[in-house]
Amino acid sequence: MAVSWSGARAGDTVLDLCCGSGDLTFLLSEKVGSYGRVTGLDFSKDQLSIASSRWVEGDALDLPFSNVYFDAITMGYGLRNVVDKCRAMQEMFRVLKPGSRVSILDFNKSTQPFAALFQEWMINNVVVPTATVYGLAKEYKYLKTSIDEFLTGKELEKLALDVGFSCARHYEIAGGLMGNLVATR
């Protein structure tokens, strides 16, 4: 969904911000085809070594790209982890072409009590225990805290509008466990 909602098309120049090991980046590459260009950016050298040597190490708070450069931007599970969400949104706005979209997929901080309880149960009883089996408990133990400290869908929409996006809409998906913010410059 994040890739489709970004509006990326064949031949576009797109950015996958906080790309990690490159899951969304690969999907974007299929979308833009051989005439398009996908840049993956992450601050973690370890993640980039998994993804590809041609991707960029960088900071979402200080993007190393010129103004109005990208036709679309995706960010998967990254905004929740940046230290200054407003600055990250300002940077995305700066490098995005007018009329283009950013699509930000992340866990959802639901305002619905049942969804919030179910999400907490899933993290505590499925996600973290499964990660522990694979020796990744440390990498996933922070999820509950980071989701609790994250913005709600309405707060994300307001943030996007406050930094200059012309419209913003947050979609709850997977029964409210996940969310996707789509904002147009």
Protein backbone atom coordinates (compact mmCIF):
# COMPACT_ATOMS: atom_id res chain seq x y z
CA MET A 1 0.00 0.00 0.00
CA ALA A 2 2.75 2.47 0.90
CA VAL A 3 4.29 2.17 -2.56
CA SER A 4 0.94 2.46 -4.38
CA TRP A 5 -0.16 5.42 -2.26
CA SER A 6 3.13 7.23 -2.97
CA GLY A 7 1.98 7.77 -6.54
CA ALA A 8 5.32 6.59 -7.95
CA ARG A 9 5.12 5.86 -11.68
CA ALA A 10 7.35 4.49 -14.41
CA GLY A 11 10.29 6.81 -15.03
CA ASP A 12 10.00 8.66 -11.68
CA THR A 13 12.83 9.60 -9.34
CA VAL A 14 11.82 8.39 -5.87
CA LEU A 15 13.24 8.23 -2.36
CA ASP A 16 12.76 5.46 0.19
CA LEU A 17 13.62 7.15 3.47
CA CYS A 18 14.80 5.05 6.42
CA CYS A 19 14.99 2.22 3.90
CA GLY A 20 16.49 -0.36 6.25
CA SER A 21 17.28 -3.52 4.33
CA GLY A 22 15.34 -2.29 1.31
CA ASP A 23 11.92 -3.99 1.26
CA LEU A 24 10.01 -0.91 0.04
CA THR A 25 12.96 0.15 -2.11
CA PHE A 26 12.76 -3.05 -4.13
CA LEU A 27 9.00 -2.61 -4.61
CA LEU A 28 9.58 0.99 -5.72
CA SER A 29 12.18 -0.21 -8.24
CA GLU A 30 9.57 -2.43 -9.84
CA LYS A 31 7.15 0.50 -9.95
CA VAL A 32 9.49 3.04 -11.60
CA GLY A 33 11.09 0.51 -13.95
CA SER A 34 14.37 0.76 -15.81
CA TYR A 35 13.89 4.44 -16.73
CA GLY A 36 13.20 5.49 -13.16
CA ARG A 37 15.59 5.97 -10.27
CA VAL A 38 15.15 4.82 -6.68
CA THR A 39 17.37 6.07 -3.89
CA GLY A 40 17.29 4.32 -0.54
CA LEU A 41 18.56 6.30 2.46
CA ASP A 42 19.24 5.05 5.96
CA PHE A 43 21.54 6.08 8.81
CA SER A 44 22.41 2.46 9.66
CA LYS A 45 25.46 1.09 7.85
CA ASP A 46 24.46 -2.41 8.93
CA GLN A 47 21.06 -2.12 7.24
CA LEU A 48 22.59 -0.62 4.10
CA SER A 49 25.08 -3.46 3.81
CA ILE A 50 22.12 -5.85 3.67
CA ALA A 51 20.34 -3.70 1.09
CA SER A 52 22.86 -2.58 -1.50
CA SER A 53 26.14 -0.75 -1.82
CA ARG A 54 24.60 1.85 -4.16
CA TRP A 55 22.28 3.28 -1.52
CA VAL A 56 22.97 6.36 0.55
CA GLU A 57 23.93 6.61 4.19
CA GLY A 58 22.29 9.74 5.55
CA ASP A 59 20.13 11.50 8.07
CA ALA A 60 16.37 11.96 7.63
CA LEU A 61 16.73 15.30 9.44
CA ASP A 62 19.25 16.65 6.92
CA LEU A 63 18.64 15.03 3.54
CA PRO A 64 21.59 15.27 1.14
CA PHE A 65 19.42 16.16 -1.87
CA SER A 66 18.49 19.38 -3.64
CA ASN A 67 15.10 21.02 -3.28
CA VAL A 68 12.11 19.65 -5.26
CA TYR A 69 14.09 16.65 -6.50
CA PHE A 70 11.83 13.62 -5.95
CA ASP A 71 8.57 12.59 -7.61
CA ALA A 72 7.57 10.44 -4.61
CA ILE A 73 8.84 9.46 -1.16
CA THR A 74 8.11 6.41 0.96
CA MET A 75 9.08 5.78 4.56
CA GLY A 76 8.42 2.44 6.22
CA TYR A 77 8.62 2.16 9.99
CA GLY A 78 10.98 5.11 10.25
CA LEU A 79 9.14 8.27 11.30
CA ARG A 80 8.31 6.77 14.68
CA ASN A 81 12.05 6.41 15.34
CA VAL A 82 13.43 9.80 14.27
CA VAL A 83 14.24 12.21 17.09
CA ASP A 84 12.57 15.22 15.44
CA LYS A 85 9.48 14.23 13.48
CA CYS A 86 8.71 17.81 12.47
CA ARG A 87 12.20 18.31 11.01
CA ALA A 88 11.96 15.00 9.14
CA MET A 89 8.62 16.08 7.63
CA GLN A 90 10.10 19.48 6.68
CA GLU A 91 12.96 17.74 4.90
CA MET A 92 10.59 15.46 3.00
CA PHE A 93 8.55 18.50 1.99
CA ARG A 94 11.71 20.31 0.85
CA VAL A 95 12.96 17.54 -1.48
CA LEU A 96 9.53 16.58 -2.88
CA LYS A 97 8.28 18.11 -6.13
CA PRO A 98 5.05 20.15 -6.04
CA GLY A 99 1.98 17.93 -6.51
CA SER A 100 3.91 14.84 -5.43
CA ARG A 101 3.21 12.60 -2.46
CA VAL A 102 4.90 11.11 0.54
CA SER A 103 3.58 7.79 1.87
CA ILE A 104 4.58 6.90 5.43
CA LEU A 105 3.79 3.40 6.71
CA ASP A 106 4.22 2.62 10.40
CA PHE A 107 2.64 1.04 13.41
CA ASN A 108 -0.49 2.91 14.37
CA LYS A 109 -1.13 4.62 17.67
CA SER A 110 -4.82 3.90 17.62
CA THR A 111 -7.38 5.93 19.50
CA GLN A 112 -9.66 2.86 19.49
CA PRO A 113 -9.29 0.99 22.82
CA PHE A 114 -9.75 -2.50 21.36
CA ALA A 115 -7.16 -1.94 18.61
CA ALA A 116 -4.66 -0.55 21.14
CA LEU A 117 -5.16 -3.52 23.49
CA PHE A 118 -4.90 -6.03 20.65
CA GLN A 119 -1.74 -4.33 19.36
CA GLU A 120 -0.14 -4.47 22.81
CA TRP A 121 -1.08 -8.14 23.13
CA MET A 122 0.39 -8.93 19.69
CA ILE A 123 3.68 -7.18 20.50
CA ASN A 124 4.01 -8.81 23.94
CA ASN A 125 2.82 -12.29 22.99
CA VAL A 126 3.77 -12.75 19.34
CA VAL A 127 6.27 -10.21 17.99
CA VAL A 128 8.79 -9.98 20.85
CA PRO A 129 8.69 -13.72 21.70
CA THR A 130 9.19 -14.60 18.02
CA ALA A 131 12.05 -12.10 17.75
CA THR A 132 13.58 -13.62 20.90
CA VAL A 133 13.63 -17.06 19.29
CA TYR A 134 15.71 -15.57 16.45
CA GLY A 135 18.05 -13.70 18.80
CA LEU A 136 16.48 -10.31 18.03
CA ALA A 137 14.74 -9.52 21.34
CA LYS A 138 16.72 -6.30 21.87
CA GLU A 139 15.78 -4.98 18.42
CA TYR A 140 12.03 -5.45 19.05
CA LYS A 141 11.62 -4.83 22.78
CA TYR A 142 11.33 -1.04 22.23
CA LEU A 143 8.21 -1.33 20.02
CA LYS A 144 5.61 -0.84 22.74
CA THR A 145 7.32 2.29 24.10
CA SER A 146 7.94 3.77 20.64
CA ILE A 147 4.30 3.24 19.63
CA ASP A 148 3.04 4.75 22.89
CA GLU A 149 5.20 7.83 22.25
CA PHE A 150 4.20 8.10 18.57
CA LEU A 151 1.61 10.43 17.11
CA THR A 152 -2.00 9.48 16.39
CA GLY A 153 -3.27 9.57 12.81
CA LYS A 154 -4.89 12.98 13.37
CA GLU A 155 -1.65 14.32 14.89
CA LEU A 156 0.31 13.04 11.87
CA GLU A 157 -2.13 14.76 9.50
CA LYS A 158 -1.75 18.02 11.44
CA LEU A 159 2.04 17.74 11.41
CA ALA A 160 2.08 17.30 7.62
CA LEU A 161 -0.22 20.28 7.10
CA ASP A 162 1.79 22.41 9.55
CA VAL A 163 5.01 21.91 7.58
CA GLY A 164 3.32 22.90 4.32
CA PHE A 165 1.76 19.86 2.69
CA SER A 166 -1.46 20.85 0.89
CA CYS A 167 -3.40 17.80 2.07
CA ALA A 168 -2.78 14.88 4.39
CA ARG A 169 -4.76 11.75 5.17
CA HIS A 170 -3.96 8.95 7.60
CA TYR A 171 -5.39 5.51 6.88
CA GLU A 172 -5.69 2.86 9.57
CA ILE A 173 -4.95 -0.55 8.12
CA ALA A 174 -4.72 -4.12 9.45
CA GLY A 175 -7.54 -3.55 11.91
CA GLY A 176 -5.92 -0.40 13.26
CA LEU A 177 -2.58 -2.05 14.06
CA MET A 178 -0.83 -0.21 11.24
CA GLY A 179 -1.28 3.19 9.66
CA ASN A 180 -0.25 4.99 6.50
CA LEU A 181 0.01 8.76 6.17
CA VAL A 182 -0.34 10.08 2.63
CA ALA A 183 0.52 13.78 2.18
CA THR A 184 0.67 15.84 -1.01
CA ARG A 185 3.02 18.76 -1.52
